[in-house]
Structure formats: structure tokens, C-alpha cells
Amino acid sequence: MESYISSLLIRMDHVCERMKILTRTRVLKKEDMERIDYHLTQIMRILNECA
């Protein structure tokens, strides 16, 4: 289980870094930003339910 959690955290970090790089090099479409926001909201909802 520990390695699975580590894997998830690494992927989340990768998402954050990728987002930083993309926003420095180009403008994301509104639709893309809304999709990202939706999925982040879902992730936060799940994490809050576990708390």
C-alpha cells in the first residue's frame, strides 16, 4: 500500500509541475482549464470524505 500511495503522490507532483510548465509556455483553453478544475475538485472531494 505504501508504494501505491507514493506512486500517487509522484503522479500528483508530476501534474503540478506539468501545469506550471504549460502555463509558462502557453495559454490553456478555457475548456481545458474547466476540465482540470473539475477533476481536481473531484479529487479534493474524495480526500475530504476520507478525512
Protein backbone atom coordinates (compact mmCIF):
# COMPACT_ATOMS: atom_id res chain seq x y z
CA MET A 1 0.00 0.00 0.00
CA GLU A 2 2.86 2.38 0.82
CA SER A 3 4.33 2.13 -2.68
CA TYR A 4 0.87 2.75 -4.19
CA ILE A 5 0.50 5.93 -2.13
CA SER A 6 4.00 7.00 -3.13
CA SER A 7 3.14 6.39 -6.76
CA LEU A 8 0.01 8.54 -6.47
CA LEU A 9 1.95 11.34 -4.81
CA ILE A 10 4.60 11.25 -7.52
CA ARG A 11 1.90 11.45 -10.20
CA MET A 12 0.23 14.36 -8.41
CA ASP A 13 3.57 16.15 -8.25
CA HIS A 14 4.08 15.48 -11.96
CA VAL A 15 0.68 17.03 -12.69
CA CYS A 16 1.61 20.13 -10.71
CA GLU A 17 4.95 20.51 -12.47
CA ARG A 18 3.38 19.93 -15.88
CA MET A 19 0.76 22.59 -15.18
CA LYS A 20 3.45 25.10 -14.17
CA ILE A 21 5.42 24.42 -17.35
CA LEU A 22 2.39 24.65 -19.62
CA THR A 23 1.15 27.89 -18.12
CA ARG A 24 4.58 29.47 -18.62
CA THR A 25 4.83 28.45 -22.26
CA ARG A 26 1.27 28.88 -23.50
CA VAL A 27 -2.30 29.74 -22.60
CA LEU A 28 -4.60 26.82 -21.91
CA LYS A 29 -8.06 26.87 -23.41
CA LYS A 30 -10.92 27.67 -21.07
CA GLU A 31 -12.44 24.23 -21.71
CA ASP A 32 -9.18 22.54 -20.73
CA MET A 33 -8.93 24.59 -17.56
CA GLU A 34 -12.52 23.73 -16.66
CA ARG A 35 -11.82 20.01 -17.18
CA ILE A 36 -8.73 20.20 -14.97
CA ASP A 37 -10.68 22.12 -12.33
CA TYR A 38 -13.48 19.54 -12.39
CA HIS A 39 -11.11 16.64 -11.84
CA LEU A 40 -9.18 18.44 -9.11
CA THR A 41 -12.47 19.19 -7.38
CA GLN A 42 -13.38 15.50 -7.55
CA ILE A 43 -10.02 14.51 -6.09
CA MET A 44 -10.44 17.01 -3.24
CA ARG A 45 -13.97 15.73 -2.59
CA ILE A 46 -12.70 12.16 -2.27
CA LEU A 47 -9.83 13.21 0.01
CA ASN A 48 -12.21 15.22 2.22
CA GLU A 49 -14.54 12.22 2.51
CA CYS A 50 -11.61 10.13 3.77
CA ALA A 51 -10.64 12.66 6.43
